[in-house]
Amino acid sequence: MFFEFKIMLYLINTLISFFYSDKYSVTILERNWMVLKSNVSLISLPRISEYIYLNDKYYQVINVVHDLTKNNKRLVIVDEVTAPEIKKIII
C-alpha cells in the first residue's frame, strides 16, 4: 500500500512539473539583429554554441541576451550554419 502511494505521488509530481514548469518567451534574432521568430515558448534557454533547427535550417547560438526590466525579455542571437559544417557535427 505504501509503495503504491509513493508511485502515485511521484506521478502526480511529474505531471505537475511538466504542465506548470516555467517557460521562457524568446525572440530569435539573426546575427544582424533581424527577427527570425518572435515569442517562441521554450522550457529551457539555449546555451552558446548549441544548435537550433528552425525553418528547415540549422542555426548556431551566438549569444543570449536577458532584458532585466519589467518586460523580462530574452533574445537569442543565432547564425545560420552551412551544410558542410553540419556534416562535421553529425560525423
Protein backbone atom coordinates (compact mmCIF):
# COMPACT_ATOMS: atom_id res chain seq x y z
CA MET A 1 0.00 0.00 0.00
CA PHE A 2 2.76 2.44 0.92
CA PHE A 3 4.69 1.60 -2.25
CA GLU A 4 1.63 2.30 -4.43
CA PHE A 5 1.11 5.62 -2.68
CA LYS A 6 4.73 6.55 -3.31
CA ILE A 7 4.41 5.75 -7.02
CA MET A 8 1.18 7.75 -7.25
CA LEU A 9 2.82 10.73 -5.54
CA TYR A 10 5.76 10.54 -7.93
CA LEU A 11 3.44 10.50 -10.96
CA ILE A 12 1.46 13.47 -9.67
CA ASN A 13 4.64 15.49 -9.06
CA THR A 14 5.92 14.64 -12.53
CA LEU A 15 2.69 15.77 -14.16
CA ILE A 16 2.61 19.00 -12.15
CA SER A 17 6.20 19.82 -13.04
CA PHE A 18 5.52 19.04 -16.71
CA PHE A 19 2.44 21.21 -17.09
CA TYR A 20 3.37 24.03 -14.73
CA SER A 21 7.08 24.35 -15.46
CA ASP A 22 8.44 27.78 -16.24
CA LYS A 23 8.53 28.53 -19.91
CA TYR A 24 10.59 31.28 -21.43
CA SER A 25 9.27 33.59 -24.11
CA VAL A 26 12.17 34.09 -26.51
CA THR A 27 12.77 36.13 -29.64
CA ILE A 28 15.24 34.57 -32.06
CA LEU A 29 17.37 37.05 -34.00
CA GLU A 30 19.89 36.73 -36.79
CA ARG A 31 23.43 38.00 -36.34
CA ASN A 32 22.41 41.36 -37.86
CA TRP A 33 19.52 41.61 -35.33
CA MET A 34 16.76 40.87 -37.85
CA VAL A 35 13.92 38.89 -36.27
CA LEU A 36 13.67 35.24 -37.36
CA LYS A 37 10.88 34.27 -34.99
CA SER A 38 9.31 36.08 -32.06
CA ASN A 39 7.54 34.88 -28.92
CA VAL A 40 8.85 31.33 -29.09
CA SER A 41 7.96 29.39 -25.95
CA LEU A 42 10.87 27.32 -24.62
CA ILE A 43 11.22 25.20 -21.49
CA SER A 44 14.97 25.82 -21.30
CA LEU A 45 17.11 28.56 -22.77
CA PRO A 46 19.66 27.50 -25.37
CA ARG A 47 23.32 27.92 -24.49
CA ILE A 48 26.04 29.50 -26.56
CA SER A 49 27.34 27.15 -29.31
CA GLU A 50 24.22 24.97 -29.23
CA TYR A 51 22.31 24.34 -32.45
CA ILE A 52 18.69 25.17 -33.22
CA TYR A 53 16.68 23.68 -36.09
CA LEU A 54 14.25 26.31 -37.32
CA ASN A 55 12.54 26.86 -40.69
CA ASP A 56 14.33 23.84 -42.24
CA LYS A 57 17.76 25.31 -41.42
CA TYR A 58 20.29 24.85 -38.65
CA TYR A 59 21.38 27.83 -36.58
CA GLN A 60 24.17 28.10 -34.02
CA VAL A 61 23.52 30.18 -30.92
CA ILE A 62 25.98 33.07 -30.74
CA ASN A 63 24.66 34.89 -27.69
CA VAL A 64 21.73 35.01 -25.27
CA VAL A 65 20.62 38.44 -24.05
CA HIS A 66 18.43 38.90 -20.97
CA ASP A 67 16.41 42.09 -20.56
CA LEU A 68 16.18 42.76 -16.82
CA THR A 69 13.41 45.36 -17.00
CA LYS A 70 9.75 44.65 -16.24
CA ASN A 71 9.32 43.07 -19.68
CA ASN A 72 11.87 40.35 -18.83
CA LYS A 73 12.51 39.53 -22.50
CA ARG A 74 15.12 37.08 -23.73
CA LEU A 75 16.84 37.42 -27.07
CA VAL A 76 18.72 34.57 -28.71
CA ILE A 77 21.16 35.68 -31.40
CA VAL A 78 21.92 32.96 -33.95
CA ASP A 79 23.98 32.46 -37.09
CA GLU A 80 22.98 30.13 -39.93
CA VAL A 81 25.14 27.03 -40.27
CA THR A 82 26.00 25.73 -43.73
CA ALA A 83 25.76 22.10 -44.84
CA PRO A 84 29.49 21.21 -44.64
CA GLU A 85 29.60 22.39 -41.01
CA ILE A 86 26.56 20.25 -40.17
CA LYS A 87 28.23 17.14 -41.67
CA LYS A 88 31.23 17.71 -39.41
CA ILE A 89 28.92 17.84 -36.40
CA ILE A 90 26.97 14.69 -37.28
CA ILE A 91 30.06 12.61 -38.12
